[in-house]
Amino acid sequence: MYYRVGYGLSSKLIDYRNGIVFIEVTMGRKWKKSYNATAHELAYCWKDAHKELGKAIACKVFIIDTKKNQYKQSLIHSGITPGYDAKKGVIYAEYYMN
């Protein structure tokens, strides 16, 4: 699923197991938000948009930042997954302890 492609951001679902959603996010040059804000926004976007993910308790977000490393965009277009620039976790319920 692509989200906000016009703003330089795309994401895809990697896995969903044990109540945890795993997504991969690719940030382009137009996207200006921080890694934390991006992880939070996309985690809730995926949960709210798909009823299958509605009972998820957390989300693990793997971020690829093509602004920092422009060669990563070429790797992605070639079908190669580059290394992640950040890994973030989001717990959906407020009553869970971090």
N, C-alpha and C. Protein backbone atom coordinates (compact mmCIF):
# COMPACT_ATOMS: atom_id res chain seq x y z
N MET A 1 0.84 -1.18 0.00
CA MET A 1 0.00 0.00 0.00
C MET A 1 0.88 1.23 0.00
N TYR A 2 0.55 2.16 -0.81
CA TYR A 2 1.30 3.40 -0.84
C TYR A 2 0.49 4.51 -0.17
N TYR A 3 1.15 5.29 0.62
CA TYR A 3 0.51 6.34 1.40
C TYR A 3 1.26 7.64 1.18
N ARG A 4 0.56 8.64 0.78
CA ARG A 4 1.15 9.96 0.59
C ARG A 4 2.32 9.96 -0.38
N VAL A 5 2.16 9.27 -1.47
CA VAL A 5 3.23 9.21 -2.46
C VAL A 5 3.57 10.61 -2.96
N GLY A 6 2.57 11.45 -3.11
CA GLY A 6 2.80 12.82 -3.55
C GLY A 6 3.63 13.62 -2.58
N TYR A 7 3.68 13.18 -1.32
CA TYR A 7 4.47 13.87 -0.30
C TYR A 7 5.83 13.20 -0.07
N GLY A 8 6.14 12.18 -0.83
CA GLY A 8 7.44 11.55 -0.71
C GLY A 8 7.51 10.44 0.33
N LEU A 9 6.42 9.71 0.53
CA LEU A 9 6.40 8.66 1.53
C LEU A 9 5.63 7.46 0.98
N SER A 10 6.18 6.28 1.18
CA SER A 10 5.46 5.06 0.82
C SER A 10 5.67 4.03 1.92
N SER A 11 4.74 3.08 2.01
CA SER A 11 4.85 2.06 3.03
C SER A 11 4.27 0.76 2.50
N LYS A 12 4.74 -0.34 3.11
CA LYS A 12 4.16 -1.64 2.77
C LYS A 12 4.16 -2.52 3.99
N LEU A 13 3.18 -3.40 4.03
CA LEU A 13 3.04 -4.34 5.13
C LEU A 13 4.02 -5.48 4.92
N ILE A 14 4.85 -5.73 5.93
CA ILE A 14 5.82 -6.83 5.86
C ILE A 14 5.23 -8.08 6.48
N ASP A 15 4.60 -7.93 7.66
CA ASP A 15 4.09 -9.08 8.39
C ASP A 15 3.10 -8.63 9.44
N TYR A 16 2.28 -9.58 9.90
CA TYR A 16 1.38 -9.36 11.03
C TYR A 16 1.32 -10.67 11.80
N ARG A 17 1.90 -10.68 13.00
CA ARG A 17 1.89 -11.89 13.82
C ARG A 17 1.89 -11.52 15.30
N ASN A 18 1.22 -12.35 16.08
CA ASN A 18 1.13 -12.16 17.53
C ASN A 18 0.63 -10.77 17.92
N GLY A 19 -0.25 -10.21 17.13
CA GLY A 19 -0.80 -8.90 17.43
C GLY A 19 0.11 -7.73 17.12
N ILE A 20 1.19 -7.99 16.39
CA ILE A 20 2.14 -6.93 16.05
C ILE A 20 2.19 -6.76 14.53
N VAL A 21 2.04 -5.52 14.10
CA VAL A 21 2.11 -5.17 12.69
C VAL A 21 3.55 -4.77 12.37
N PHE A 22 4.09 -5.28 11.28
CA PHE A 22 5.43 -4.92 10.82
C PHE A 22 5.29 -4.22 9.47
N ILE A 23 5.74 -2.96 9.41
CA ILE A 23 5.67 -2.23 8.15
C ILE A 23 7.03 -1.64 7.79
N GLU A 24 7.22 -1.47 6.49
CA GLU A 24 8.43 -0.86 5.97
C GLU A 24 8.04 0.48 5.35
N VAL A 25 8.74 1.53 5.73
CA VAL A 25 8.43 2.88 5.26
C VAL A 25 9.64 3.41 4.49
N THR A 26 9.37 3.97 3.32
CA THR A 26 10.42 4.62 2.53
C THR A 26 10.12 6.10 2.48
N MET A 27 11.05 6.90 3.02
CA MET A 27 10.89 8.35 3.06
C MET A 27 11.66 8.97 1.89
N GLY A 28 10.96 9.80 1.12
CA GLY A 28 11.58 10.49 0.00
C GLY A 28 12.00 11.90 0.37
N ARG A 29 12.49 12.62 -0.61
CA ARG A 29 13.03 13.96 -0.35
C ARG A 29 11.97 14.99 0.05
N LYS A 30 10.72 14.76 -0.31
CA LYS A 30 9.66 15.71 0.02
C LYS A 30 9.16 15.59 1.45
N TRP A 31 9.35 14.43 2.06
CA TRP A 31 8.81 14.18 3.41
C TRP A 31 9.67 14.89 4.44
N LYS A 32 9.06 15.69 5.29
CA LYS A 32 9.79 16.54 6.24
C LYS A 32 9.68 16.12 7.70
N LYS A 33 8.82 15.17 8.03
CA LYS A 33 8.61 14.80 9.43
C LYS A 33 9.74 13.92 9.95
N SER A 34 9.87 13.90 11.27
CA SER A 34 10.91 13.09 11.92
C SER A 34 10.56 11.61 11.84
N TYR A 35 11.53 10.76 12.19
CA TYR A 35 11.31 9.32 12.20
C TYR A 35 10.20 8.95 13.19
N ASN A 36 10.20 9.56 14.36
CA ASN A 36 9.19 9.25 15.37
C ASN A 36 7.79 9.63 14.90
N ALA A 37 7.64 10.82 14.34
CA ALA A 37 6.34 11.27 13.85
C ALA A 37 5.87 10.41 12.69
N THR A 38 6.79 10.04 11.83
CA THR A 38 6.45 9.19 10.68
C THR A 38 5.99 7.82 11.14
N ALA A 39 6.71 7.22 12.07
CA ALA A 39 6.35 5.90 12.59
C ALA A 39 4.96 5.93 13.23
N HIS A 40 4.71 6.93 14.04
CA HIS A 40 3.41 7.06 14.71
C HIS A 40 2.28 7.22 13.69
N GLU A 41 2.46 8.10 12.73
CA GLU A 41 1.42 8.38 11.74
C GLU A 41 1.11 7.15 10.89
N LEU A 42 2.13 6.48 10.41
CA LEU A 42 1.92 5.32 9.55
C LEU A 42 1.39 4.12 10.31
N ALA A 43 1.81 3.93 11.54
CA ALA A 43 1.31 2.81 12.35
C ALA A 43 -0.20 2.94 12.54
N TYR A 44 -0.66 4.12 12.89
CA TYR A 44 -2.09 4.32 13.08
C TYR A 44 -2.84 4.31 11.76
N CYS A 45 -2.23 4.79 10.71
CA CYS A 45 -2.86 4.77 9.39
C CYS A 45 -3.16 3.33 8.97
N TRP A 46 -2.19 2.45 9.12
CA TRP A 46 -2.37 1.04 8.75
C TRP A 46 -3.44 0.39 9.62
N LYS A 47 -3.40 0.63 10.91
CA LYS A 47 -4.36 0.01 11.82
C LYS A 47 -5.78 0.48 11.53
N ASP A 48 -5.95 1.77 11.31
CA ASP A 48 -7.27 2.33 11.09
C ASP A 48 -7.83 1.99 9.70
N ALA A 49 -6.97 1.81 8.72
CA ALA A 49 -7.41 1.58 7.35
C ALA A 49 -7.77 0.13 7.05
N HIS A 50 -7.30 -0.79 7.87
CA HIS A 50 -7.52 -2.21 7.59
C HIS A 50 -8.14 -2.89 8.80
N LYS A 51 -9.37 -3.36 8.64
CA LYS A 51 -10.07 -3.98 9.77
C LYS A 51 -9.37 -5.23 10.27
N GLU A 52 -8.59 -5.90 9.41
CA GLU A 52 -7.84 -7.09 9.84
C GLU A 52 -6.78 -6.75 10.88
N LEU A 53 -6.31 -5.52 10.87
CA LEU A 53 -5.27 -5.09 11.80
C LEU A 53 -5.86 -4.36 13.01
N GLY A 54 -7.16 -4.28 13.09
CA GLY A 54 -7.84 -3.51 14.13
C GLY A 54 -7.55 -3.96 15.55
N LYS A 55 -7.22 -5.23 15.76
CA LYS A 55 -6.96 -5.73 17.11
C LYS A 55 -5.46 -5.79 17.43
N ALA A 56 -4.65 -5.18 16.60
CA ALA A 56 -3.20 -5.17 16.84
C ALA A 56 -2.90 -4.38 18.11
N ILE A 57 -1.87 -4.83 18.83
CA ILE A 57 -1.49 -4.13 20.06
C ILE A 57 -0.26 -3.25 19.87
N ALA A 58 0.51 -3.51 18.79
CA ALA A 58 1.73 -2.73 18.57
C ALA A 58 2.12 -2.78 17.10
N CYS A 59 3.07 -1.94 16.75
CA CYS A 59 3.57 -1.88 15.38
C CYS A 59 5.07 -1.65 15.40
N LYS A 60 5.78 -2.39 14.59
CA LYS A 60 7.22 -2.21 14.41
C LYS A 60 7.42 -1.59 13.03
N VAL A 61 8.08 -0.45 12.99
CA VAL A 61 8.25 0.32 11.76
C VAL A 61 9.72 0.34 11.38
N PHE A 62 10.01 -0.10 10.16
CA PHE A 62 11.37 -0.10 9.62
C PHE A 62 11.45 1.01 8.59
N ILE A 63 12.36 1.96 8.81
CA ILE A 63 12.41 3.17 7.98
C ILE A 63 13.64 3.16 7.08
N ILE A 64 13.39 3.43 5.79
CA ILE A 64 14.45 3.64 4.81
C ILE A 64 14.38 5.11 4.40
N ASP A 65 15.44 5.85 4.64
CA ASP A 65 15.48 7.28 4.36
C ASP A 65 16.31 7.52 3.10
N THR A 66 15.64 7.80 1.99
CA THR A 66 16.37 8.02 0.73
C THR A 66 16.90 9.45 0.62
N LYS A 67 16.51 10.34 1.57
CA LYS A 67 17.09 11.69 1.58
C LYS A 67 18.55 11.64 2.00
N LYS A 68 18.82 10.84 3.03
CA LYS A 68 20.19 10.73 3.54
C LYS A 68 21.10 9.97 2.58
N ASN A 69 20.56 8.90 2.02
CA ASN A 69 21.34 8.03 1.15
C ASN A 69 20.61 7.86 -0.18
N GLN A 70 20.95 8.67 -1.14
CA GLN A 70 20.22 8.67 -2.41
C GLN A 70 20.40 7.38 -3.20
N TYR A 71 21.48 6.64 -2.96
CA TYR A 71 21.69 5.39 -3.67
C TYR A 71 20.63 4.34 -3.30
N LYS A 72 19.99 4.51 -2.16
CA LYS A 72 18.98 3.54 -1.72
C LYS A 72 17.78 3.53 -2.65
N GLN A 73 17.47 4.66 -3.25
CA GLN A 73 16.36 4.73 -4.20
C GLN A 73 16.64 3.85 -5.40
N SER A 74 17.86 3.82 -5.88
CA SER A 74 18.24 2.96 -7.00
C SER A 74 18.14 1.49 -6.62
N LEU A 75 18.55 1.16 -5.40
CA LEU A 75 18.44 -0.22 -4.93
C LEU A 75 16.99 -0.67 -4.86
N ILE A 76 16.13 0.19 -4.38
CA ILE A 76 14.71 -0.14 -4.28
C ILE A 76 14.12 -0.38 -5.66
N HIS A 77 14.45 0.47 -6.62
CA HIS A 77 13.94 0.31 -7.98
C HIS A 77 14.48 -0.96 -8.63
N SER A 78 15.61 -1.44 -8.16
CA SER A 78 16.20 -2.68 -8.69
C SER A 78 15.64 -3.92 -7.99
N GLY A 79 14.78 -3.73 -7.01
CA GLY A 79 14.19 -4.85 -6.29
C GLY A 79 15.00 -5.31 -5.09
N ILE A 80 15.98 -4.52 -4.69
CA ILE A 80 16.84 -4.86 -3.55
C ILE A 80 16.40 -4.03 -2.35
N THR A 81 16.23 -4.67 -1.20
CA THR A 81 15.88 -3.94 0.02
C THR A 81 17.16 -3.48 0.71
N PRO A 82 17.38 -2.18 0.77
CA PRO A 82 18.59 -1.68 1.44
C PRO A 82 18.46 -1.77 2.96
N GLY A 83 19.53 -1.49 3.65
CA GLY A 83 19.51 -1.48 5.12
C GLY A 83 18.60 -0.38 5.63
N TYR A 84 18.08 -0.60 6.82
CA TYR A 84 17.17 0.38 7.41
C TYR A 84 17.96 1.47 8.14
N ASP A 85 17.44 2.69 8.04
CA ASP A 85 18.06 3.83 8.72
C ASP A 85 17.55 3.96 10.15
N ALA A 86 16.37 3.44 10.42
CA ALA A 86 15.80 3.49 11.77
C ALA A 86 14.79 2.37 11.94
N LYS A 87 14.62 1.97 13.19
CA LYS A 87 13.60 0.99 13.57
C LYS A 87 12.86 1.59 14.75
N LYS A 88 11.55 1.70 14.63
CA LYS A 88 10.74 2.33 15.67
C LYS A 88 9.61 1.41 16.07
N GLY A 89 9.19 1.51 17.31
CA GLY A 89 8.06 0.74 17.81
C GLY A 89 6.96 1.66 18.29
N VAL A 90 5.72 1.26 18.02
CA VAL A 90 4.57 2.04 18.46
C VAL A 90 3.62 1.08 19.17
N ILE A 91 3.24 1.42 20.40
CA ILE A 91 2.25 0.65 21.14
C ILE A 91 0.93 1.39 21.01
N TYR A 92 -0.09 0.68 20.51
CA TYR A 92 -1.37 1.34 20.23
C TYR A 92 -2.14 1.74 21.47
N ALA A 93 -2.27 0.86 22.44
CA ALA A 93 -3.07 1.15 23.63
C ALA A 93 -2.27 2.00 24.61
N GLU A 94 -2.89 3.02 25.14
CA GLU A 94 -2.21 3.94 26.06
C GLU A 94 -1.94 3.31 27.41
N TYR A 95 -2.68 2.29 27.78
CA TYR A 95 -2.51 1.71 29.10
C TYR A 95 -1.38 0.67 29.16
N TYR A 96 -0.73 0.37 28.04
CA TYR A 96 0.43 -0.52 28.05
C TYR A 96 1.66 0.25 28.52
N MET A 97 2.48 -0.39 29.30
CA MET A 97 3.72 0.25 29.74
C MET A 97 4.80 0.07 28.69
N ASN A 98 5.60 1.07 28.48
CA ASN A 98 6.71 0.99 27.52
C ASN A 98 7.92 0.39 28.19
